[in-house]
Amino acid sequence: MTASVRLNEQQSNTLERLAASLNRQKSDVLREALAFYASRIDKEKNNRIQSAVQKTRLADRQIYDEIEGTLHDGF
């Protein structure tokens, strides 16, 4: 697949500088940047899911402890 990207002057200069310093083609730099960005988004999404799961577990544990406390209150 071929894609066109419009860059402002600063972005274009940054891409040129990166490609030159890495001794890579600009298209290679862009592909790697896209892969890095996608990976970062996936990791962030997984972190948010893990955080939500942990919060749910803690809330469930609190409810469980409250119920257990009422079951063993001497009645």
C-alpha atoms as a PDB file:
ATOM      1  CA  MET A   1       0.000   0.000   0.000  1.00  0.00           C
ATOM      2  CA  THR A   2       1.178   3.471  -0.792  1.00  0.00           C
ATOM      3  CA  ALA A   3       0.165   6.383   1.434  1.00  0.00           C
ATOM      4  CA  SER A   4       0.803  10.090   1.174  1.00  0.00           C
ATOM      5  CA  VAL A   5       1.458  12.210   4.225  1.00  0.00           C
ATOM      6  CA  ARG A   6       1.470  15.976   4.410  1.00  0.00           C
ATOM      7  CA  LEU A   7       4.058  17.376   6.793  1.00  0.00           C
ATOM      8  CA  ASN A   8       4.672  20.930   7.819  1.00  0.00           C
ATOM      9  CA  GLU A   9       8.192  22.301   7.464  1.00  0.00           C
ATOM     10  CA  GLN A  10       9.231  21.438  11.016  1.00  0.00           C
ATOM     11  CA  GLN A  11       7.950  17.854  10.694  1.00  0.00           C
ATOM     12  CA  SER A  12       9.658  17.495   7.348  1.00  0.00           C
ATOM     13  CA  ASN A  13      12.945  18.750   8.792  1.00  0.00           C
ATOM     14  CA  THR A  14      12.622  16.373  11.735  1.00  0.00           C
ATOM     15  CA  LEU A  15      11.984  13.445   9.403  1.00  0.00           C
ATOM     16  CA  GLU A  16      14.963  14.390   7.225  1.00  0.00           C
ATOM     17  CA  ARG A  17      17.213  14.706  10.285  1.00  0.00           C
ATOM     18  CA  LEU A  18      16.071  11.392  11.774  1.00  0.00           C
ATOM     19  CA  ALA A  19      16.456   9.526   8.503  1.00  0.00           C
ATOM     20  CA  ALA A  20      19.958  10.923   8.028  1.00  0.00           C
ATOM     21  CA  SER A  21      21.063  10.225  11.597  1.00  0.00           C
ATOM     22  CA  LEU A  22      19.696   6.670  11.486  1.00  0.00           C
ATOM     23  CA  ASN A  23      20.987   6.096   7.951  1.00  0.00           C
ATOM     24  CA  ARG A  24      17.527   4.972   6.895  1.00  0.00           C
ATOM     25  CA  GLN A  25      14.982   5.898   4.284  1.00  0.00           C
ATOM     26  CA  LYS A  26      12.300   8.359   5.362  1.00  0.00           C
ATOM     27  CA  SER A  27       9.651   5.737   4.638  1.00  0.00           C
ATOM     28  CA  ASP A  28      11.430   3.326   7.020  1.00  0.00           C
ATOM     29  CA  VAL A  29      11.421   5.962   9.759  1.00  0.00           C
ATOM     30  CA  LEU A  30       7.712   6.592   9.227  1.00  0.00           C
ATOM     31  CA  ARG A  31       6.884   2.866   9.280  1.00  0.00           C
ATOM     32  CA  GLU A  32       8.839   2.386  12.504  1.00  0.00           C
ATOM     33  CA  ALA A  33       7.190   5.446  14.047  1.00  0.00           C
ATOM     34  CA  LEU A  34       3.753   4.078  13.167  1.00  0.00           C
ATOM     35  CA  ALA A  35       4.596   0.663  14.644  1.00  0.00           C
ATOM     36  CA  PHE A  36       5.940   2.309  17.818  1.00  0.00           C
ATOM     37  CA  TYR A  37       2.840   4.489  18.151  1.00  0.00           C
ATOM     38  CA  ALA A  38       0.475   1.550  17.640  1.00  0.00           C
ATOM     39  CA  SER A  39       2.380  -0.493  20.220  1.00  0.00           C
ATOM     40  CA  ARG A  40       2.243   2.350  22.716  1.00  0.00           C
ATOM     41  CA  ILE A  41      -1.504   2.769  22.218  1.00  0.00           C
ATOM     42  CA  ASP A  42      -2.024  -0.980  22.735  1.00  0.00           C
ATOM     43  CA  LYS A  43       0.057  -0.944  25.924  1.00  0.00           C
ATOM     44  CA  GLU A  44      -1.836   2.059  27.269  1.00  0.00           C
ATOM     45  CA  LYS A  45      -5.144   0.367  26.499  1.00  0.00           C
ATOM     46  CA  ASN A  46      -4.010  -2.804  28.274  1.00  0.00           C
ATOM     47  CA  ASN A  47      -2.840  -0.764  31.265  1.00  0.00           C
ATOM     48  CA  ARG A  48      -6.242   0.925  31.532  1.00  0.00           C
ATOM     49  CA  ILE A  49      -8.005  -2.434  31.304  1.00  0.00           C
ATOM     50  CA  GLN A  50      -5.733  -3.913  33.998  1.00  0.00           C
ATOM     51  CA  SER A  51      -6.375  -0.889  36.207  1.00  0.00           C
ATOM     52  CA  ALA A  52     -10.144  -1.259  35.779  1.00  0.00           C
ATOM     53  CA  VAL A  53      -9.934  -4.976  36.584  1.00  0.00           C
ATOM     54  CA  GLN A  54      -7.905  -4.240  39.720  1.00  0.00           C
ATOM     55  CA  LYS A  55     -10.391  -1.581  40.879  1.00  0.00           C
ATOM     56  CA  THR A  56     -13.246  -4.021  40.314  1.00  0.00           C
ATOM     57  CA  ARG A  57     -11.461  -6.743  42.282  1.00  0.00           C
ATOM     58  CA  LEU A  58     -10.864  -4.359  45.178  1.00  0.00           C
ATOM     59  CA  ALA A  59     -14.490  -3.221  45.173  1.00  0.00           C
ATOM     60  CA  ASP A  60     -15.688  -6.839  45.021  1.00  0.00           C
ATOM     61  CA  ARG A  61     -13.375  -7.718  47.911  1.00  0.00           C
ATOM     62  CA  GLN A  62     -14.781  -4.886  50.020  1.00  0.00           C
ATOM     63  CA  ILE A  63     -18.331  -6.033  49.370  1.00  0.00           C
ATOM     64  CA  TYR A  64     -17.370  -9.625  50.139  1.00  0.00           C
ATOM     65  CA  ASP A  65     -15.712  -8.591  53.404  1.00  0.00           C
ATOM     66  CA  GLU A  66     -18.786  -6.575  54.434  1.00  0.00           C
ATOM     67  CA  ILE A  67     -21.085  -9.517  53.721  1.00  0.00           C
ATOM     68  CA  GLU A  68     -18.808 -11.946  55.558  1.00  0.00           C
ATOM     69  CA  GLY A  69     -18.766  -9.576  58.525  1.00  0.00           C
ATOM     70  CA  THR A  70     -22.551  -9.582  58.763  1.00  0.00           C
ATOM     71  CA  LEU A  71     -22.720 -13.377  58.450  1.00  0.00           C
ATOM     72  CA  HIS A  72     -20.501 -13.853  61.488  1.00  0.00           C
ATOM     73  CA  ASP A  73     -21.864 -11.101  63.746  1.00  0.00           C
ATOM     74  CA  GLY A  74     -23.200 -13.475  66.368  1.00  0.00           C
ATOM     75  CA  PHE A  75     -26.698 -14.201  65.139  1.00  0.00           C
END
